[in-house]
PDB file of N, CA and C in Angstrom:
ATOM      1  N   UNK A   1       0.882  -1.234   0.318  1.00  0.00           N
ATOM      2  CA  UNK A   1       0.302   0.139  -0.308  1.00  0.00           C
ATOM      3  C   UNK A   1       0.799   0.915  -0.166  1.00  0.00           C
ATOM      4  N   UNK A   2       0.682   2.092  -0.994  1.00  0.00           N
ATOM      5  CA  UNK A   2       1.426   3.677  -0.987  1.00  0.00           C
ATOM      6  C   UNK A   2       1.366   4.451   0.619  1.00  0.00           C
ATOM      7  N   UNK A   3       2.804   4.953   0.912  1.00  0.00           N
ATOM      8  CA  UNK A   3       2.419   5.642   2.141  1.00  0.00           C
ATOM      9  C   UNK A   3       1.647   6.854   2.427  1.00  0.00           C
ATOM     10  N   UNK A   4       0.804   7.155   1.668  1.00  0.00           N
ATOM     11  CA  UNK A   4      -0.143   8.114   1.554  1.00  0.00           C
ATOM     12  C   UNK A   4      -1.080   7.338   1.409  1.00  0.00           C
ATOM     13  N   UNK A   5      -1.860   6.532   0.719  1.00  0.00           N
ATOM     14  CA  UNK A   5      -2.895   5.594   1.610  1.00  0.00           C
ATOM     15  C   UNK A   5      -2.335   4.934   2.727  1.00  0.00           C
ATOM     16  N   UNK A   6      -1.441   4.766   3.501  1.00  0.00           N
ATOM     17  CA  UNK A   6      -1.580   3.170   4.800  1.00  0.00           C
ATOM     18  C   UNK A   6      -1.290   5.594   5.652  1.00  0.00           C
ATOM     19  N   UNK A   7      -1.269   6.511   5.921  1.00  0.00           N
ATOM     20  CA  UNK A   7      -1.604   7.630   6.865  1.00  0.00           C
ATOM     21  C   UNK A   7      -2.985   8.106   6.836  1.00  0.00           C
ATOM     22  N   UNK A   8      -3.217   7.893   5.580  1.00  0.00           N
ATOM     23  CA  UNK A   8      -5.668   7.646   5.554  1.00  0.00           C
ATOM     24  C   UNK A   8      -5.453   6.945   6.144  1.00  0.00           C
ATOM     25  N   UNK A   9      -5.389   5.250   6.318  1.00  0.00           N
ATOM     26  CA  UNK A   9      -5.644   4.300   6.271  1.00  0.00           C
ATOM     27  C   UNK A   9      -6.253   4.707   8.235  1.00  0.00           C
ATOM     28  N   UNK A  10      -4.472   4.458   8.388  1.00  0.00           N
ATOM     29  CA  UNK A  10      -4.167   4.759   9.759  1.00  0.00           C
ATOM     30  C   UNK A  10      -5.844   6.646  10.124  1.00  0.00           C
ATOM     31  N   UNK A  11      -5.649   7.305  10.088  1.00  0.00           N
ATOM     32  CA  UNK A  11      -6.221   8.521  10.266  1.00  0.00           C
ATOM     33  C   UNK A  11      -7.095   7.833  10.465  1.00  0.00           C
ATOM     34  N   UNK A  12      -7.628   7.445   9.391  1.00  0.00           N
ATOM     35  CA  UNK A  12      -9.624   7.051   8.777  1.00  0.00           C
ATOM     36  C   UNK A  12      -9.438   5.716  10.796  1.00  0.00           C
ATOM     37  N   UNK A  13      -8.798   5.132  10.867  1.00  0.00           N
ATOM     38  CA  UNK A  13      -8.947   4.263  12.484  1.00  0.00           C
ATOM     39  C   UNK A  13      -9.151   4.954  13.149  1.00  0.00           C
ATOM     40  N   UNK A  14      -7.829   6.599  13.364  1.00  0.00           N
ATOM     41  CA  UNK A  14      -8.001   7.632  14.956  1.00  0.00           C
ATOM     42  C   UNK A  14      -9.841   8.047  14.301  1.00  0.00           C
ATOM     43  N   UNK A  15      -9.848   8.553  13.542  1.00  0.00           N
ATOM     44  CA  UNK A  15     -11.509   9.059  13.465  1.00  0.00           C
ATOM     45  C   UNK A  15     -12.736   8.396  14.501  1.00  0.00           C
ATOM     46  N   UNK A  16     -13.013   7.122  13.745  1.00  0.00           N
ATOM     47  CA  UNK A  16     -14.203   6.056  13.986  1.00  0.00           C
ATOM     48  C   UNK A  16     -13.575   5.967  15.247  1.00  0.00           C
ATOM     49  N   UNK A  17     -11.965   5.555  16.092  1.00  0.00           N
ATOM     50  CA  UNK A  17     -12.446   4.942  17.448  1.00  0.00           C
ATOM     51  C   UNK A  17     -12.444   6.590  18.714  1.00  0.00           C
ATOM     52  N   UNK A  18     -12.437   7.363  17.548  1.00  0.00           N
ATOM     53  CA  UNK A  18     -12.448   8.415  18.839  1.00  0.00           C
ATOM     54  C   UNK A  18     -13.776   9.094  18.501  1.00  0.00           C
ATOM     55  N   UNK A  19     -14.906   8.924  17.560  1.00  0.00           N
ATOM     56  CA  UNK A  19     -16.267   9.270  17.542  1.00  0.00           C
ATOM     57  C   UNK A  19     -16.085   7.704  17.983  1.00  0.00           C
ATOM     58  N   UNK A  20     -16.043   7.094  18.171  1.00  0.00           N
ATOM     59  CA  UNK A  20     -16.851   6.108  18.930  1.00  0.00           C
ATOM     60  C   UNK A  20     -16.777   6.208  20.272  1.00  0.00           C
ATOM     61  N   UNK A  21     -15.336   6.164  21.020  1.00  0.00           N
ATOM     62  CA  UNK A  21     -14.792   6.647  22.335  1.00  0.00           C
ATOM     63  C   UNK A  21     -16.401   8.224  22.789  1.00  0.00           C
ATOM     64  N   UNK A  22     -16.750   8.799  21.577  1.00  0.00           N
ATOM     65  CA  UNK A  22     -16.970  10.032  21.996  1.00  0.00           C
ATOM     66  C   UNK A  22     -18.426   9.995  22.664  1.00  0.00           C
ATOM     67  N   UNK A  23     -18.774   8.319  21.440  1.00  0.00           N
ATOM     68  CA  UNK A  23     -20.390   8.057  21.568  1.00  0.00           C
ATOM     69  C   UNK A  23     -20.658   8.138  23.477  1.00  0.00           C
ATOM     70  N   UNK A  24     -20.110   7.360  23.973  1.00  0.00           N
ATOM     71  CA  UNK A  24     -19.621   7.298  26.343  1.00  0.00           C
ATOM     72  C   UNK A  24     -19.427   8.736  26.518  1.00  0.00           C
ATOM     73  N   UNK A  25     -19.001   9.600  26.195  1.00  0.00           N
ATOM     74  CA  UNK A  25     -17.887  10.066  26.964  1.00  0.00           C
ATOM     75  C   UNK A  25     -19.269  10.920  27.187  1.00  0.00           C
ATOM     76  N   UNK A  26     -19.869  12.425  26.030  1.00  0.00           N
ATOM     77  CA  UNK A  26     -21.088  12.791  25.671  1.00  0.00           C
ATOM     78  C   UNK A  26     -22.153  12.309  24.728  1.00  0.00           C
ATOM     79  N   UNK A  27     -22.543  11.424  25.216  1.00  0.00           N
ATOM     80  CA  UNK A  27     -23.519  11.110  24.876  1.00  0.00           C
ATOM     81  C   UNK A  27     -24.646  12.066  24.645  1.00  0.00           C
ATOM     82  N   UNK A  28     -25.490  12.748  25.239  1.00  0.00           N
ATOM     83  CA  UNK A  28     -26.200  13.435  25.538  1.00  0.00           C
ATOM     84  C   UNK A  28     -26.269  14.542  23.460  1.00  0.00           C
ATOM     85  N   UNK A  29     -25.305  14.410  23.747  1.00  0.00           N
ATOM     86  CA  UNK A  29     -24.648  15.018  21.928  1.00  0.00           C
ATOM     87  C   UNK A  29     -24.880  14.222  21.073  1.00  0.00           C
ATOM     88  N   UNK A  30     -25.366  13.304  21.270  1.00  0.00           N
ATOM     89  CA  UNK A  30     -25.711  11.713  20.273  1.00  0.00           C
ATOM     90  C   UNK A  30     -26.844  11.194  19.927  1.00  0.00           C
ATOM     91  N   UNK A  31     -27.997  11.577  20.962  1.00  0.00           N
ATOM     92  CA  UNK A  31     -28.907  11.481  21.535  1.00  0.00           C
ATOM     93  C   UNK A  31     -30.097  13.137  21.295  1.00  0.00           C
ATOM     94  N   UNK A  32     -29.323  13.838  21.128  1.00  0.00           N
ATOM     95  CA  UNK A  32     -30.290  15.073  20.666  1.00  0.00           C
ATOM     96  C   UNK A  32     -29.713  14.885  19.344  1.00  0.00           C
ATOM     97  N   UNK A  33     -29.584  13.802  18.452  1.00  0.00           N
ATOM     98  CA  UNK A  33     -29.820  13.806  16.771  1.00  0.00           C
ATOM     99  C   UNK A  33     -30.559  12.670  17.039  1.00  0.00           C
ATOM    100  N   UNK A  34     -31.013  11.583  17.704  1.00  0.00           N
ATOM    101  CA  UNK A  34     -31.439  10.827  17.525  1.00  0.00           C
ATOM    102  C   UNK A  34     -33.067  11.481  16.707  1.00  0.00           C
ATOM    103  N   UNK A  35     -33.654  10.806  15.291  1.00  0.00           N
ATOM    104  CA  UNK A  35     -35.206  11.094  15.715  1.00  0.00           C
ATOM    105  C   UNK A  35     -36.480  10.578  16.272  1.00  0.00           C
ATOM    106  N   UNK A  36     -36.894  10.943  16.265  1.00  0.00           N
ATOM    107  CA  UNK A  36     -37.639  10.360  17.439  1.00  0.00           C
ATOM    108  C   UNK A  36     -38.732   8.947  17.022  1.00  0.00           C
ATOM    109  N   UNK A  37     -38.773   9.173  15.727  1.00  0.00           N
ATOM    110  CA  UNK A  37     -39.152   7.897  15.042  1.00  0.00           C
ATOM    111  C   UNK A  37     -38.559   6.390  15.221  1.00  0.00           C
ATOM    112  N   UNK A  38     -36.595   6.827  15.562  1.00  0.00           N
ATOM    113  CA  UNK A  38     -36.065   5.677  16.750  1.00  0.00           C
ATOM    114  C   UNK A  38     -36.374   5.294  17.865  1.00  0.00           C
ATOM    115  N   UNK A  39     -36.452   3.754  17.650  1.00  0.00           N
ATOM    116  CA  UNK A  39     -36.796   3.845  19.548  1.00  0.00           C
ATOM    117  C   UNK A  39     -35.104   3.438  20.316  1.00  0.00           C
ATOM    118  N   UNK A  40     -35.124   3.386  21.104  1.00  0.00           N
ATOM    119  CA  UNK A  40     -34.515   3.585  22.107  1.00  0.00           C
ATOM    120  C   UNK A  40     -33.435   3.858  21.693  1.00  0.00           C
ATOM    121  N   UNK A  41     -32.838   5.280  22.577  1.00  0.00           N
ATOM    122  CA  UNK A  41     -31.834   6.151  22.509  1.00  0.00           C
ATOM    123  C   UNK A  41     -30.604   5.933  22.714  1.00  0.00           C
ATOM    124  N   UNK A  42     -30.067   5.933  24.214  1.00  0.00           N
ATOM    125  CA  UNK A  42     -29.324   5.835  24.362  1.00  0.00           C
ATOM    126  C   UNK A  42     -29.075   4.425  24.410  1.00  0.00           C
ATOM    127  N   UNK A  43     -29.181   3.729  23.887  1.00  0.00           N
ATOM    128  CA  UNK A  43     -29.224   2.594  22.849  1.00  0.00           C
ATOM    129  C   UNK A  43     -28.078   2.298  21.720  1.00  0.00           C
ATOM    130  N   UNK A  44     -29.349   3.309  20.510  1.00  0.00           N
ATOM    131  CA  UNK A  44     -28.706   2.713  19.736  1.00  0.00           C
ATOM    132  C   UNK A  44     -27.070   3.156  19.963  1.00  0.00           C
ATOM    133  N   UNK A  45     -27.184   4.875  20.635  1.00  0.00           N
ATOM    134  CA  UNK A  45     -25.781   5.616  20.592  1.00  0.00           C
ATOM    135  C   UNK A  45     -24.551   4.422  20.833  1.00  0.00           C
ATOM    136  N   UNK A  46     -25.487   4.282  21.829  1.00  0.00           N
ATOM    137  CA  UNK A  46     -24.256   2.794  22.622  1.00  0.00           C
ATOM    138  C   UNK A  46     -23.665   1.230  21.024  1.00  0.00           C
ATOM    139  N   UNK A  47     -24.322   1.347  20.871  1.00  0.00           N
ATOM    140  CA  UNK A  47     -24.186  -0.643  20.392  1.00  0.00           C
ATOM    141  C   UNK A  47     -23.328   0.653  19.204  1.00  0.00           C
ATOM    142  N   UNK A  48     -23.518   2.257  18.096  1.00  0.00           N
ATOM    143  CA  UNK A  48     -22.909   2.836  17.280  1.00  0.00           C
ATOM    144  C   UNK A  48     -21.079   3.306  17.816  1.00  0.00           C
ATOM    145  N   UNK A  49     -21.979   3.453  18.595  1.00  0.00           N
ATOM    146  CA  UNK A  49     -20.364   3.869  19.044  1.00  0.00           C
ATOM    147  C   UNK A  49     -18.603   2.871  19.791  1.00  0.00           C
ATOM    148  N   UNK A  50     -19.492   1.663  19.872  1.00  0.00           N
ATOM    149  CA  UNK A  50     -19.206   0.156  19.580  1.00  0.00           C
ATOM    150  C   UNK A  50     -18.777   0.290  18.489  1.00  0.00           C
ATOM    151  N   UNK A  51     -19.825  -0.315  17.345  1.00  0.00           N
ATOM    152  CA  UNK A  51     -19.266  -0.308  16.155  1.00  0.00           C
ATOM    153  C   UNK A  51     -18.342   0.770  15.307  1.00  0.00           C
ATOM    154  N   UNK A  52     -18.138   1.620  16.197  1.00  0.00           N
ATOM    155  CA  UNK A  52     -17.489   2.854  15.211  1.00  0.00           C
ATOM    156  C   UNK A  52     -16.384   2.469  15.522  1.00  0.00           C
ATOM    157  N   UNK A  53     -15.840   2.088  17.121  1.00  0.00           N
ATOM    158  CA  UNK A  53     -14.378   1.622  17.682  1.00  0.00           C
ATOM    159  C   UNK A  53     -13.997   0.545  16.526  1.00  0.00           C
ATOM    160  N   UNK A  54     -14.963  -0.717  17.619  1.00  0.00           N
ATOM    161  CA  UNK A  54     -14.628  -2.209  16.631  1.00  0.00           C
ATOM    162  C   UNK A  54     -14.475  -1.657  15.067  1.00  0.00           C
ATOM    163  N   UNK A  55     -15.233  -1.394  14.357  1.00  0.00           N
ATOM    164  CA  UNK A  55     -14.793  -0.876  12.339  1.00  0.00           C
ATOM    165  C   UNK A  55     -13.436   0.128  12.378  1.00  0.00           C
ATOM    166  N   UNK A  56     -13.031   0.568  13.742  1.00  0.00           N
ATOM    167  CA  UNK A  56     -11.945   1.029  13.497  1.00  0.00           C
ATOM    168  C   UNK A  56     -11.042   0.591  13.362  1.00  0.00           C
ATOM    169  N   UNK A  57     -10.714  -0.814  14.319  1.00  0.00           N
ATOM    170  CA  UNK A  57     -10.062  -0.963  15.068  1.00  0.00           C
ATOM    171  C   UNK A  57      -9.770  -1.816  13.697  1.00  0.00           C
ATOM    172  N   UNK A  58     -10.771  -2.598  13.203  1.00  0.00           N
ATOM    173  CA  UNK A  58     -10.687  -3.836  11.899  1.00  0.00           C
ATOM    174  C   UNK A  58     -10.127  -3.496  10.747  1.00  0.00           C
ATOM    175  N   UNK A  59      -9.928  -1.949  10.398  1.00  0.00           N
ATOM    176  CA  UNK A  59      -9.826  -1.600   9.368  1.00  0.00           C
ATOM    177  C   UNK A  59      -7.874  -1.101   9.490  1.00  0.00           C
ATOM    178  N   UNK A  60      -7.522  -1.975  10.148  1.00  0.00           N
ATOM    179  CA  UNK A  60      -6.016  -2.097  10.576  1.00  0.00           C
ATOM    180  C   UNK A  60      -6.339  -3.248  10.174  1.00  0.00           C
ATOM    181  N   UNK A  61      -6.663  -3.890  10.424  1.00  0.00           N
ATOM    182  CA  UNK A  61      -5.693  -5.636   9.773  1.00  0.00           C
ATOM    183  C   UNK A  61      -6.286  -5.851   8.740  1.00  0.00           C
ATOM    184  N   UNK A  62      -5.196  -6.229   8.004  1.00  0.00           N
ATOM    185  CA  UNK A  62      -5.381  -6.358   6.769  1.00  0.00           C
ATOM    186  C   UNK A  62      -6.453  -7.507   6.370  1.00  0.00           C
ATOM    187  N   UNK A  63      -6.584  -9.107   7.633  1.00  0.00           N
ATOM    188  CA  UNK A  63      -6.831  -9.307   6.458  1.00  0.00           C
ATOM    189  C   UNK A  63      -8.925  -8.976   6.709  1.00  0.00           C
ATOM    190  N   UNK A  64      -9.138  -8.189   8.012  1.00  0.00           N
ATOM    191  CA  UNK A  64     -10.596  -8.142   8.024  1.00  0.00           C
ATOM    192  C   UNK A  64     -10.900  -6.300   7.381  1.00  0.00           C
ATOM    193  N   UNK A  65      -9.969  -5.629   7.060  1.00  0.00           N
ATOM    194  CA  UNK A  65      -9.959  -4.533   6.829  1.00  0.00           C
ATOM    195  C   UNK A  65     -11.305  -4.852   4.899  1.00  0.00           C
ATOM    196  N   UNK A  66     -11.514  -5.600   4.285  1.00  0.00           N
ATOM    197  CA  UNK A  66     -12.131  -5.100   3.343  1.00  0.00           C
ATOM    198  C   UNK A  66     -13.891  -4.882   4.487  1.00  0.00           C
ATOM    199  N   UNK A  67     -13.975  -5.752   4.911  1.00  0.00           N
ATOM    200  CA  UNK A  67     -14.828  -5.502   6.057  1.00  0.00           C
ATOM    201  C   UNK A  67     -14.976  -4.547   6.184  1.00  0.00           C
ATOM    202  N   UNK A  68     -14.392  -4.616   7.576  1.00  0.00           N
ATOM    203  CA  UNK A  68     -14.716  -3.265   7.765  1.00  0.00           C
ATOM    204  C   UNK A  68     -15.346  -1.869   7.183  1.00  0.00           C
ATOM    205  N   UNK A  69     -14.197  -1.900   5.804  1.00  0.00           N
ATOM    206  CA  UNK A  69     -15.017  -0.779   5.579  1.00  0.00           C
ATOM    207  C   UNK A  69     -15.991  -1.090   5.222  1.00  0.00           C
ATOM    208  N   UNK A  70     -16.486  -2.093   4.802  1.00  0.00           N
ATOM    209  CA  UNK A  70     -17.939  -1.607   4.308  1.00  0.00           C
ATOM    210  C   UNK A  70     -18.571  -1.904   5.576  1.00  0.00           C
ATOM    211  N   UNK A  71     -17.929  -2.223   6.430  1.00  0.00           N
ATOM    212  CA  UNK A  71     -19.138  -1.708   7.665  1.00  0.00           C
ATOM    213  C   UNK A  71     -19.207  -0.386   8.060  1.00  0.00           C
ATOM    214  N   UNK A  72     -18.003   0.611   7.925  1.00  0.00           N
ATOM    215  CA  UNK A  72     -18.231   1.629   8.092  1.00  0.00           C
ATOM    216  C   UNK A  72     -19.263   2.198   7.126  1.00  0.00           C
ATOM    217  N   UNK A  73     -18.913   1.718   5.686  1.00  0.00           N
ATOM    218  CA  UNK A  73     -20.031   2.787   4.671  1.00  0.00           C
ATOM    219  C   UNK A  73     -21.164   2.091   5.440  1.00  0.00           C
ATOM    220  N   UNK A  74     -21.272   0.663   5.512  1.00  0.00           N
ATOM    221  CA  UNK A  74     -22.742   1.034   6.108  1.00  0.00           C
ATOM    222  C   UNK A  74     -23.361   1.419   6.932  1.00  0.00           C
ATOM    223  N   UNK A  75     -21.986   1.873   7.987  1.00  0.00           N
ATOM    224  CA  UNK A  75     -23.056   2.062   8.791  1.00  0.00           C
ATOM    225  C   UNK A  75     -23.523   3.590   8.787  1.00  0.00           C
ATOM    226  N   UNK A  76     -21.989   4.629   8.149  1.00  0.00           N
ATOM    227  CA  UNK A  76     -22.441   5.509   7.810  1.00  0.00           C
ATOM    228  C   UNK A  76     -24.048   6.055   6.856  1.00  0.00           C
ATOM    229  N   UNK A  77     -24.173   4.754   6.807  1.00  0.00           N
ATOM    230  CA  UNK A  77     -25.709   5.485   4.961  1.00  0.00           C
ATOM    231  C   UNK A  77     -26.790   5.055   6.739  1.00  0.00           C
ATOM    232  N   UNK A  78     -26.231   4.572   8.040  1.00  0.00           N
ATOM    233  CA  UNK A  78     -27.291   3.937   8.860  1.00  0.00           C
ATOM    234  C   UNK A  78     -27.389   5.401   9.749  1.00  0.00           C
ATOM    235  N   UNK A  79     -26.232   6.320   9.614  1.00  0.00           N
ATOM    236  CA  UNK A  79     -26.964   7.556  10.602  1.00  0.00           C
ATOM    237  C   UNK A  79     -26.888   8.063  10.127  1.00  0.00           C
ATOM    238  N   UNK A  80     -26.739   8.581   9.348  1.00  0.00           N
ATOM    239  CA  UNK A  80     -27.218   9.577   8.333  1.00  0.00           C
ATOM    240  C   UNK A  80     -28.592   9.981   8.248  1.00  0.00           C
ATOM    241  N   UNK A  81     -29.964   9.677   8.322  1.00  0.00           N
ATOM    242  CA  UNK A  81     -31.238   9.512   8.962  1.00  0.00           C
ATOM    243  C   UNK A  81     -30.912  10.911  10.560  1.00  0.00           C
ATOM    244  N   UNK A  82     -30.429  10.711  11.457  1.00  0.00           N
ATOM    245  CA  UNK A  82     -29.935  11.259  12.424  1.00  0.00           C
ATOM    246  C   UNK A  82     -29.049  12.685  12.060  1.00  0.00           C
ATOM    247  N   UNK A  83     -27.898  12.804  10.708  1.00  0.00           N
ATOM    248  CA  UNK A  83     -27.461  14.067  10.731  1.00  0.00           C
ATOM    249  C   UNK A  83     -28.840  14.857   9.624  1.00  0.00           C
ATOM    250  N   UNK A  84     -29.750  14.377   9.079  1.00  0.00           N
ATOM    251  CA  UNK A  84     -30.639  15.305   8.579  1.00  0.00           C
ATOM    252  C   UNK A  84     -31.912  15.600   9.074  1.00  0.00           C
ATOM    253  N   UNK A  85     -32.307  14.674  10.234  1.00  0.00           N
ATOM    254  CA  UNK A  85     -32.776  14.999  11.205  1.00  0.00           C
ATOM    255  C   UNK A  85     -32.028  16.258  12.226  1.00  0.00           C
ATOM    256  N   UNK A  86     -30.877  16.203  12.736  1.00  0.00           N
ATOM    257  CA  UNK A  86     -29.602  17.160  13.547  1.00  0.00           C
ATOM    258  C   UNK A  86     -30.689  18.733  12.941  1.00  0.00           C
ATOM    259  N   UNK A  87     -29.915  17.759  10.819  1.00  0.00           N
ATOM    260  CA  UNK A  87     -29.718  19.626   9.997  1.00  0.00           C
ATOM    261  C   UNK A  87     -31.212  20.292  10.453  1.00  0.00           C
ATOM    262  N   UNK A  88     -32.815  19.809  10.231  1.00  0.00           N
ATOM    263  CA  UNK A  88     -33.826  20.362   9.894  1.00  0.00           C
ATOM    264  C   UNK A  88     -34.061  20.478  10.761  1.00  0.00           C
ATOM    265  N   UNK A  89     -34.011  20.284  12.077  1.00  0.00           N
ATOM    266  CA  UNK A  89     -33.744  20.527  13.541  1.00  0.00           C
ATOM    267  C   UNK A  89     -33.689  21.740  14.247  1.00  0.00           C
ATOM    268  N   UNK A  90     -32.470  21.781  13.472  1.00  0.00           N
ATOM    269  CA  UNK A  90     -31.102  22.823  13.457  1.00  0.00           C
ATOM    270  C   UNK A  90     -30.939  22.978  15.027  1.00  0.00           C
ATOM    271  N   UNK A  91     -30.404  21.495  16.087  1.00  0.00           N
ATOM    272  CA  UNK A  91     -29.459  21.007  16.838  1.00  0.00           C
ATOM    273  C   UNK A  91     -28.631  21.292  17.211  1.00  0.00           C
ATOM    274  N   UNK A  92     -28.386  22.318  18.260  1.00  0.00           N
ATOM    275  CA  UNK A  92     -27.200  23.224  17.768  1.00  0.00           C
ATOM    276  C   UNK A  92     -25.853  22.230  18.889  1.00  0.00           C
ATOM    277  N   UNK A  93     -24.981  22.345  17.701  1.00  0.00           N
ATOM    278  CA  UNK A  93     -23.005  21.413  17.839  1.00  0.00           C
ATOM    279  C   UNK A  93     -23.505  20.627  16.378  1.00  0.00           C
ATOM    280  N   UNK A  94     -24.044  20.273  15.676  1.00  0.00           N
ATOM    281  CA  UNK A  94     -24.065  19.344  15.530  1.00  0.00           C
ATOM    282  C   UNK A  94     -23.506  19.818  14.059  1.00  0.00           C
ATOM    283  N   UNK A  95     -23.097  20.673  13.616  1.00  0.00           N
ATOM    284  CA  UNK A  95     -23.084  21.899  12.160  1.00  0.00           C
ATOM    285  C   UNK A  95     -23.865  21.610  11.366  1.00  0.00           C
ATOM    286  N   UNK A  96     -25.516  21.208  11.350  1.00  0.00           N
ATOM    287  CA  UNK A  96     -26.654  22.065  10.492  1.00  0.00           C
ATOM    288  C   UNK A  96     -25.784  21.454   9.407  1.00  0.00           C
ATOM    289  N   UNK A  97     -26.396  21.675   7.913  1.00  0.00           N
ATOM    290  CA  UNK A  97     -26.929  21.494   7.042  1.00  0.00           C
ATOM    291  C   UNK A  97     -24.868  20.952   6.720  1.00  0.00           C
ATOM    292  N   UNK A  98     -24.205  22.061   6.646  1.00  0.00           N
ATOM    293  CA  UNK A  98     -22.665  21.481   5.897  1.00  0.00           C
ATOM    294  C   UNK A  98     -22.787  20.076   6.597  1.00  0.00           C
ATOM    295  N   UNK A  99     -23.556  20.062   7.706  1.00  0.00           N
ATOM    296  CA  UNK A  99     -22.875  18.202   8.073  1.00  0.00           C
ATOM    297  C   UNK A  99     -22.519  17.015   7.121  1.00  0.00           C
ATOM    298  N   UNK A 100     -23.710  17.567   6.268  1.00  0.00           N
ATOM    299  CA  UNK A 100     -24.957  16.138   5.248  1.00  0.00           C
ATOM    300  C   UNK A 100     -23.009  16.054   3.840  1.00  0.00           C
ATOM    301  N   UNK A 101     -22.818  17.555   3.545  1.00  0.00           N
ATOM    302  CA  UNK A 101     -22.130  16.068   2.360  1.00  0.00           C
ATOM    303  C   UNK A 101     -20.807  15.574   2.355  1.00  0.00           C
ATOM    304  N   UNK A 102     -20.573  15.814   4.076  1.00  0.00           N
ATOM    305  CA  UNK A 102     -18.816  14.823   4.605  1.00  0.00           C
ATOM    306  C   UNK A 102     -19.297  13.576   4.321  1.00  0.00           C
ATOM    307  N   UNK A 103     -20.393  13.272   5.155  1.00  0.00           N
ATOM    308  CA  UNK A 103     -20.965  11.553   4.739  1.00  0.00           C
ATOM    309  C   UNK A 103     -20.419  11.143   3.596  1.00  0.00           C
ATOM    310  N   UNK A 104     -20.412  12.273   2.545  1.00  0.00           N
ATOM    311  CA  UNK A 104     -20.084  11.481   0.913  1.00  0.00           C
ATOM    312  C   UNK A 104     -18.759  10.924   1.170  1.00  0.00           C
ATOM    313  N   UNK A 105     -18.170  11.549   1.438  1.00  0.00           N
ATOM    314  CA  UNK A 105     -16.297  12.231   1.801  1.00  0.00           C
ATOM    315  C   UNK A 105     -16.410  11.109   2.767  1.00  0.00           C
ATOM    316  N   UNK A 106     -16.527  10.220   3.710  1.00  0.00           N
ATOM    317  CA  UNK A 106     -16.402   9.887   4.247  1.00  0.00           C
ATOM    318  C   UNK A 106     -16.752   8.571   4.053  1.00  0.00           C
ATOM    319  N   UNK A 107     -17.549   8.683   2.830  1.00  0.00           N
ATOM    320  CA  UNK A 107     -18.349   7.108   2.535  1.00  0.00           C
ATOM    321  C   UNK A 107     -17.504   6.639   1.384  1.00  0.00           C
ATOM    322  N   UNK A 108     -16.911   7.196   0.470  1.00  0.00           N
ATOM    323  CA  UNK A 108     -16.067   7.633  -0.548  1.00  0.00           C
ATOM    324  C   UNK A 108     -14.733   7.274  -0.230  1.00  0.00           C
ATOM    325  N   UNK A 109     -13.522   7.636   1.444  1.00  0.00           N
ATOM    326  CA  UNK A 109     -13.153   7.943   2.439  1.00  0.00           C
ATOM    327  C   UNK A 109     -12.993   5.859   2.736  1.00  0.00           C
ATOM    328  N   UNK A 110     -13.882   5.317   3.680  1.00  0.00           N
ATOM    329  CA  UNK A 110     -14.547   3.758   3.165  1.00  0.00           C
ATOM    330  C   UNK A 110     -13.758   3.344   2.704  1.00  0.00           C
ATOM    331  N   UNK A 111     -14.315   2.849   1.173  1.00  0.00           N
ATOM    332  CA  UNK A 111     -14.817   2.855   0.355  1.00  0.00           C
ATOM    333  C   UNK A 111     -13.185   2.687  -0.070  1.00  0.00           C
ATOM    334  N   UNK A 112     -12.080   2.935  -0.190  1.00  0.00           N
ATOM    335  CA  UNK A 112     -11.028   3.354  -0.562  1.00  0.00           C
ATOM    336  C   UNK A 112     -11.151   1.728  -0.526  1.00  0.00           C
ATOM    337  N   UNK A 113     -11.240   1.589   0.809  1.00  0.00           N
ATOM    338  CA  UNK A 113      -9.855   1.028   1.689  1.00  0.00           C
ATOM    339  C   UNK A 113     -12.003  -0.682   1.381  1.00  0.00           C
ATOM    340  N   UNK A 114     -11.983  -0.740   0.010  1.00  0.00           N
ATOM    341  CA  UNK A 114     -12.639  -1.624   0.170  1.00  0.00           C
ATOM    342  C   UNK A 114     -12.038  -2.641  -0.701  1.00  0.00           C
TER     343      UNK A 114
END
């Protein structure tokens, strides 16, 4: 793997591990973004946090990398409704509509490693 791609892989891993940890350090931030039609807000925040940590670590293991990268893509698609809800409702501190295009960038970033 070229050095730049390797460095970006490590950066992506750190990004998801840190994001997953944040789900447990500041759960209220993530709970506020949950659309009302979803049940079990705190539980879903915890599950998504665990998924981010696990996938962020798994993407560093060559044998798991393609599966983990697809898992990250799936996770990003799954959380997109929460980001749309946060933008529509103007939830403070969530980035509003500016956050939405980054989902496509993050999906492409993960897809690069599939």
